[in-house]
Amino acid sequence: MKYKVDIFKKLPDGQMAWVRSVDGMDEARVQLRRLEYINPGQYFIYDHRFGGIIPSFATETSIFVH
């Protein structure tokens, strides 16, 4: 069973906007690359399993837990 992760985009004012929910990290990678190509910006992945934010796939090993 796949788990859901949410994709957010950082807005110019610093706020976060929810973009979509996807099934698992593999799908998140695909969608993130697509989003960055179509609408460049700073995107974040929220992983519900860890309650943490993955800031980008370039630095995928950095997970911030709140």
PDB file of N, CA and C in Angstrom:
ATOM      1  N   MET A   1       0.833  -1.187   0.000  1.00  0.00           N
ATOM      2  CA  MET A   1       0.000   0.000   0.000  1.00  0.00           C
ATOM      3  C   MET A   1       0.877   1.251   0.000  1.00  0.00           C
ATOM      4  N   LYS A   2       0.590   2.160  -0.913  1.00  0.00           N
ATOM      5  CA  LYS A   2       1.358   3.397  -0.973  1.00  0.00           C
ATOM      6  C   LYS A   2       0.808   4.395   0.030  1.00  0.00           C
ATOM      7  N   TYR A   3       1.653   5.297   0.430  1.00  0.00           N
ATOM      8  CA  TYR A   3       1.270   6.338   1.370  1.00  0.00           C
ATOM      9  C   TYR A   3       1.213   7.665   0.620  1.00  0.00           C
ATOM     10  N   LYS A   4       0.465   8.592   1.142  1.00  0.00           N
ATOM     11  CA  LYS A   4       0.307   9.902   0.522  1.00  0.00           C
ATOM     12  C   LYS A   4       1.378  10.865   1.021  1.00  0.00           C
ATOM     13  N   VAL A   5       1.851  11.692   0.106  1.00  0.00           N
ATOM     14  CA  VAL A   5       2.689  12.834   0.464  1.00  0.00           C
ATOM     15  C   VAL A   5       2.068  14.052  -0.205  1.00  0.00           C
ATOM     16  N   ASP A   6       2.260  15.210   0.388  1.00  0.00           N
ATOM     17  CA  ASP A   6       1.715  16.445  -0.149  1.00  0.00           C
ATOM     18  C   ASP A   6       2.833  17.298  -0.720  1.00  0.00           C
ATOM     19  N   ILE A   7       2.524  17.973  -1.814  1.00  0.00           N
ATOM     20  CA  ILE A   7       3.464  18.893  -2.444  1.00  0.00           C
ATOM     21  C   ILE A   7       2.977  20.309  -2.180  1.00  0.00           C
ATOM     22  N   PHE A   8       3.886  21.152  -1.707  1.00  0.00           N
ATOM     23  CA  PHE A   8       3.606  22.560  -1.453  1.00  0.00           C
ATOM     24  C   PHE A   8       4.579  23.427  -2.253  1.00  0.00           C
ATOM     25  N   LYS A   9       4.155  24.651  -2.545  1.00  0.00           N
ATOM     26  CA  LYS A   9       5.033  25.621  -3.203  1.00  0.00           C
ATOM     27  C   LYS A   9       5.170  26.827  -2.294  1.00  0.00           C
ATOM     28  N   LYS A  10       6.421  27.316  -2.187  1.00  0.00           N
ATOM     29  CA  LYS A  10       6.660  28.521  -1.407  1.00  0.00           C
ATOM     30  C   LYS A  10       6.316  29.727  -2.275  1.00  0.00           C
ATOM     31  N   LEU A  11       5.452  30.590  -1.761  1.00  0.00           N
ATOM     32  CA  LEU A  11       5.024  31.780  -2.477  1.00  0.00           C
ATOM     33  C   LEU A  11       5.996  32.937  -2.233  1.00  0.00           C
ATOM     34  N   PRO A  12       5.953  33.958  -3.076  1.00  0.00           N
ATOM     35  CA  PRO A  12       6.870  35.099  -2.915  1.00  0.00           C
ATOM     36  C   PRO A  12       6.802  35.764  -1.539  1.00  0.00           C
ATOM     37  N   ASP A  13       5.645  35.721  -0.888  1.00  0.00           N
ATOM     38  CA  ASP A  13       5.515  36.341   0.435  1.00  0.00           C
ATOM     39  C   ASP A  13       5.965  35.416   1.569  1.00  0.00           C
ATOM     40  N   GLY A  14       6.471  34.230   1.213  1.00  0.00           N
ATOM     41  CA  GLY A  14       6.968  33.289   2.208  1.00  0.00           C
ATOM     42  C   GLY A  14       5.939  32.270   2.678  1.00  0.00           C
ATOM     43  N   GLN A  15       4.682  32.460   2.320  1.00  0.00           N
ATOM     44  CA  GLN A  15       3.632  31.519   2.684  1.00  0.00           C
ATOM     45  C   GLN A  15       3.759  30.257   1.838  1.00  0.00           C
ATOM     46  N   MET A  16       3.148  29.187   2.316  1.00  0.00           N
ATOM     47  CA  MET A  16       3.152  27.926   1.588  1.00  0.00           C
ATOM     48  C   MET A  16       1.775  27.684   0.987  1.00  0.00           C
ATOM     49  N   ALA A  17       1.745  27.214  -0.256  1.00  0.00           N
ATOM     50  CA  ALA A  17       0.482  26.894  -0.927  1.00  0.00           C
ATOM     51  C   ALA A  17       0.478  25.404  -1.252  1.00  0.00           C
ATOM     52  N   TRP A  18      -0.581  24.712  -0.843  1.00  0.00           N
ATOM     53  CA  TRP A  18      -0.721  23.302  -1.162  1.00  0.00           C
ATOM     54  C   TRP A  18      -0.948  23.168  -2.657  1.00  0.00           C
ATOM     55  N   VAL A  19      -0.235  22.223  -3.286  1.00  0.00           N
ATOM     56  CA  VAL A  19      -0.362  22.009  -4.729  1.00  0.00           C
ATOM     57  C   VAL A  19      -1.168  20.755  -5.007  1.00  0.00           C
ATOM     58  N   ARG A  20      -0.730  19.632  -4.443  1.00  0.00           N
ATOM     59  CA  ARG A  20      -1.460  18.373  -4.640  1.00  0.00           C
ATOM     60  C   ARG A  20      -0.935  17.303  -3.700  1.00  0.00           C
ATOM     61  N   SER A  21      -1.703  16.231  -3.601  1.00  0.00           N
ATOM     62  CA  SER A  21      -1.330  15.056  -2.839  1.00  0.00           C
ATOM     63  C   SER A  21      -1.073  13.936  -3.842  1.00  0.00           C
ATOM     64  N   VAL A  22      -0.013  13.168  -3.619  1.00  0.00           N
ATOM     65  CA  VAL A  22       0.344  12.090  -4.543  1.00  0.00           C
ATOM     66  C   VAL A  22       0.647  10.818  -3.760  1.00  0.00           C
ATOM     67  N   ASP A  23       0.674   9.698  -4.471  1.00  0.00           N
ATOM     68  CA  ASP A  23       0.941   8.396  -3.860  1.00  0.00           C
ATOM     69  C   ASP A  23       2.436   8.105  -3.803  1.00  0.00           C
ATOM     70  N   GLY A  24       3.042   8.334  -2.663  1.00  0.00           N
ATOM     71  CA  GLY A  24       4.417   7.943  -2.420  1.00  0.00           C
ATOM     72  C   GLY A  24       5.477   8.863  -3.008  1.00  0.00           C
ATOM     73  N   MET A  25       6.710   8.587  -2.600  1.00  0.00           N
ATOM     74  CA  MET A  25       7.837   9.433  -2.984  1.00  0.00           C
ATOM     75  C   MET A  25       8.206   9.297  -4.461  1.00  0.00           C
ATOM     76  N   ASP A  26       8.036   8.123  -5.035  1.00  0.00           N
ATOM     77  CA  ASP A  26       8.353   7.975  -6.462  1.00  0.00           C
ATOM     78  C   ASP A  26       7.473   8.886  -7.306  1.00  0.00           C
ATOM     79  N   GLU A  27       6.185   8.891  -7.032  1.00  0.00           N
ATOM     80  CA  GLU A  27       5.272   9.764  -7.758  1.00  0.00           C
ATOM     81  C   GLU A  27       5.551  11.233  -7.439  1.00  0.00           C
ATOM     82  N   ALA A  28       5.929  11.520  -6.196  1.00  0.00           N
ATOM     83  CA  ALA A  28       6.272  12.899  -5.824  1.00  0.00           C
ATOM     84  C   ALA A  28       7.463  13.397  -6.633  1.00  0.00           C
ATOM     85  N   ARG A  29       8.455  12.537  -6.834  1.00  0.00           N
ATOM     86  CA  ARG A  29       9.626  12.923  -7.651  1.00  0.00           C
ATOM     87  C   ARG A  29       9.208  13.308  -9.067  1.00  0.00           C
ATOM     88  N   VAL A  30       8.355  12.478  -9.665  1.00  0.00           N
ATOM     89  CA  VAL A  30       7.877  12.733 -11.028  1.00  0.00           C
ATOM     90  C   VAL A  30       7.108  14.047 -11.077  1.00  0.00           C
ATOM     91  N   GLN A  31       6.183  14.222 -10.157  1.00  0.00           N
ATOM     92  CA  GLN A  31       5.357  15.423 -10.149  1.00  0.00           C
ATOM     93  C   GLN A  31       6.171  16.673  -9.849  1.00  0.00           C
ATOM     94  N   LEU A  32       7.130  16.554  -8.952  1.00  0.00           N
ATOM     95  CA  LEU A  32       7.956  17.709  -8.602  1.00  0.00           C
ATOM     96  C   LEU A  32       8.769  18.179  -9.805  1.00  0.00           C
ATOM     97  N   ARG A  33       9.362  17.264 -10.529  1.00  0.00           N
ATOM     98  CA  ARG A  33      10.125  17.639 -11.727  1.00  0.00           C
ATOM     99  C   ARG A  33       9.215  18.305 -12.755  1.00  0.00           C
ATOM    100  N   ARG A  34       8.027  17.757 -12.908  1.00  0.00           N
ATOM    101  CA  ARG A  34       7.057  18.327 -13.842  1.00  0.00           C
ATOM    102  C   ARG A  34       6.654  19.742 -13.423  1.00  0.00           C
ATOM    103  N   LEU A  35       6.340  19.907 -12.153  1.00  0.00           N
ATOM    104  CA  LEU A  35       5.946  21.218 -11.646  1.00  0.00           C
ATOM    105  C   LEU A  35       7.068  22.248 -11.793  1.00  0.00           C
ATOM    106  N   GLU A  36       8.291  21.846 -11.464  1.00  0.00           N
ATOM    107  CA  GLU A  36       9.422  22.771 -11.560  1.00  0.00           C
ATOM    108  C   GLU A  36       9.694  23.175 -13.004  1.00  0.00           C
ATOM    109  N   TYR A  37       9.401  22.286 -13.935  1.00  0.00           N
ATOM    110  CA  TYR A  37       9.576  22.609 -15.354  1.00  0.00           C
ATOM    111  C   TYR A  37       8.492  23.579 -15.825  1.00  0.00           C
ATOM    112  N   ILE A  38       7.246  23.302 -15.440  1.00  0.00           N
ATOM    113  CA  ILE A  38       6.107  24.113 -15.881  1.00  0.00           C
ATOM    114  C   ILE A  38       6.070  25.470 -15.173  1.00  0.00           C
ATOM    115  N   ASN A  39       6.293  25.456 -13.876  1.00  0.00           N
ATOM    116  CA  ASN A  39       6.181  26.668 -13.063  1.00  0.00           C
ATOM    117  C   ASN A  39       7.331  26.691 -12.051  1.00  0.00           C
ATOM    118  N   PRO A  40       8.517  27.155 -12.474  1.00  0.00           N
ATOM    119  CA  PRO A  40       9.684  27.133 -11.587  1.00  0.00           C
ATOM    120  C   PRO A  40       9.408  27.815 -10.248  1.00  0.00           C
ATOM    121  N   GLY A  41      10.043  27.294  -9.241  1.00  0.00           N
ATOM    122  CA  GLY A  41       9.888  27.851  -7.906  1.00  0.00           C
ATOM    123  C   GLY A  41      10.433  26.883  -6.884  1.00  0.00           C
ATOM    124  N   GLN A  42      10.178  27.191  -5.641  1.00  0.00           N
ATOM    125  CA  GLN A  42      10.655  26.362  -4.538  1.00  0.00           C
ATOM    126  C   GLN A  42       9.504  25.489  -4.049  1.00  0.00           C
ATOM    127  N   TYR A  43       9.657  24.187  -4.220  1.00  0.00           N
ATOM    128  CA  TYR A  43       8.628  23.231  -3.831  1.00  0.00           C
ATOM    129  C   TYR A  43       9.120  22.403  -2.647  1.00  0.00           C
ATOM    130  N   PHE A  44       8.170  21.929  -1.858  1.00  0.00           N
ATOM    131  CA  PHE A  44       8.463  21.120  -0.689  1.00  0.00           C
ATOM    132  C   PHE A  44       7.548  19.909  -0.671  1.00  0.00           C
ATOM    133  N   ILE A  45       8.039  18.839  -0.109  1.00  0.00           N
ATOM    134  CA  ILE A  45       7.265  17.619   0.064  1.00  0.00           C
ATOM    135  C   ILE A  45       7.030  17.424   1.557  1.00  0.00           C
ATOM    136  N   TYR A  46       5.786  17.196   1.937  1.00  0.00           N
ATOM    137  CA  TYR A  46       5.459  16.884   3.316  1.00  0.00           C
ATOM    138  C   TYR A  46       5.159  15.401   3.401  1.00  0.00           C
ATOM    139  N   ASP A  47       5.949  14.693   4.187  1.00  0.00           N
ATOM    140  CA  ASP A  47       5.804  13.249   4.357  1.00  0.00           C
ATOM    141  C   ASP A  47       5.072  12.969   5.658  1.00  0.00           C
ATOM    142  N   HIS A  48       3.847  12.480   5.561  1.00  0.00           N
ATOM    143  CA  HIS A  48       3.010  12.240   6.731  1.00  0.00           C
ATOM    144  C   HIS A  48       3.560  11.145   7.639  1.00  0.00           C
ATOM    145  N   ARG A  49       4.349  10.220   7.081  1.00  0.00           N
ATOM    146  CA  ARG A  49       4.889   9.136   7.910  1.00  0.00           C
ATOM    147  C   ARG A  49       5.824   9.671   8.972  1.00  0.00           C
ATOM    148  N   PHE A  50       6.587  10.711   8.630  1.00  0.00           N
ATOM    149  CA  PHE A  50       7.575  11.275   9.547  1.00  0.00           C
ATOM    150  C   PHE A  50       7.138  12.597  10.138  1.00  0.00           C
ATOM    151  N   GLY A  51       6.070  13.176   9.581  1.00  0.00           N
ATOM    152  CA  GLY A  51       5.656  14.498  10.029  1.00  0.00           C
ATOM    153  C   GLY A  51       6.705  15.528   9.682  1.00  0.00           C
ATOM    154  N   GLY A  52       7.392  15.300   8.551  1.00  0.00           N
ATOM    155  CA  GLY A  52       8.494  16.180   8.193  1.00  0.00           C
ATOM    156  C   GLY A  52       8.407  16.704   6.783  1.00  0.00           C
ATOM    157  N   ILE A  53       9.181  17.738   6.545  1.00  0.00           N
ATOM    158  CA  ILE A  53       9.231  18.386   5.238  1.00  0.00           C
ATOM    159  C   ILE A  53      10.567  18.066   4.583  1.00  0.00           C
ATOM    160  N   ILE A  54      10.499  17.648   3.335  1.00  0.00           N
ATOM    161  CA  ILE A  54      11.700  17.433   2.538  1.00  0.00           C
ATOM    162  C   ILE A  54      11.795  18.641   1.620  1.00  0.00           C
ATOM    163  N   PRO A  55      12.791  19.511   1.811  1.00  0.00           N
ATOM    164  CA  PRO A  55      12.832  20.776   1.086  1.00  0.00           C
ATOM    165  C   PRO A  55      13.008  20.648  -0.412  1.00  0.00           C
ATOM    166  N   SER A  56      13.779  19.702  -0.871  1.00  0.00           N
ATOM    167  CA  SER A  56      13.920  19.501  -2.313  1.00  0.00           C
ATOM    168  C   SER A  56      14.545  18.140  -2.527  1.00  0.00           C
ATOM    169  N   PHE A  57      14.408  17.622  -3.729  1.00  0.00           N
ATOM    170  CA  PHE A  57      14.991  16.312  -3.997  1.00  0.00           C
ATOM    171  C   PHE A  57      16.485  16.406  -4.237  1.00  0.00           C
ATOM    172  N   ALA A  58      17.003  17.594  -4.458  1.00  0.00           N
ATOM    173  CA  ALA A  58      18.447  17.757  -4.581  1.00  0.00           C
ATOM    174  C   ALA A  58      19.096  17.484  -3.220  1.00  0.00           C
ATOM    175  N   THR A  59      18.366  17.795  -2.145  1.00  0.00           N
ATOM    176  CA  THR A  59      18.863  17.567  -0.786  1.00  0.00           C
ATOM    177  C   THR A  59      17.927  16.616  -0.055  1.00  0.00           C
ATOM    178  N   GLU A  60      17.548  15.552  -0.720  1.00  0.00           N
ATOM    179  CA  GLU A  60      16.537  14.636  -0.224  1.00  0.00           C
ATOM    180  C   GLU A  60      16.877  14.046   1.149  1.00  0.00           C
ATOM    181  N   THR A  61      18.148  13.976   1.497  1.00  0.00           N
ATOM    182  CA  THR A  61      18.497  13.381   2.779  1.00  0.00           C
ATOM    183  C   THR A  61      18.211  14.328   3.941  1.00  0.00           C
ATOM    184  N   SER A  62      17.937  15.596   3.664  1.00  0.00           N
ATOM    185  CA  SER A  62      17.633  16.564   4.725  1.00  0.00           C
ATOM    186  C   SER A  62      16.137  16.576   4.980  1.00  0.00           C
ATOM    187  N   ILE A  63      15.731  16.049   6.113  1.00  0.00           N
ATOM    188  CA  ILE A  63      14.320  16.049   6.485  1.00  0.00           C
ATOM    189  C   ILE A  63      14.174  16.853   7.759  1.00  0.00           C
ATOM    190  N   PHE A  64      13.311  17.854   7.730  1.00  0.00           N
ATOM    191  CA  PHE A  64      13.070  18.680   8.899  1.00  0.00           C
ATOM    192  C   PHE A  64      11.770  18.232   9.546  1.00  0.00           C
ATOM    193  N   VAL A  65      11.847  17.856  10.796  1.00  0.00           N
ATOM    194  CA  VAL A  65      10.677  17.392  11.530  1.00  0.00           C
ATOM    195  C   VAL A  65      10.254  18.491  12.493  1.00  0.00           C
ATOM    196  N   HIS A  66       8.945  18.733  12.519  1.00  0.00           N
ATOM    197  CA  HIS A  66       8.449  19.758  13.455  1.00  0.00           C
ATOM    198  C   HIS A  66       7.588  19.144  14.530  1.00  0.00           C
TER     199      HIS A  66
END
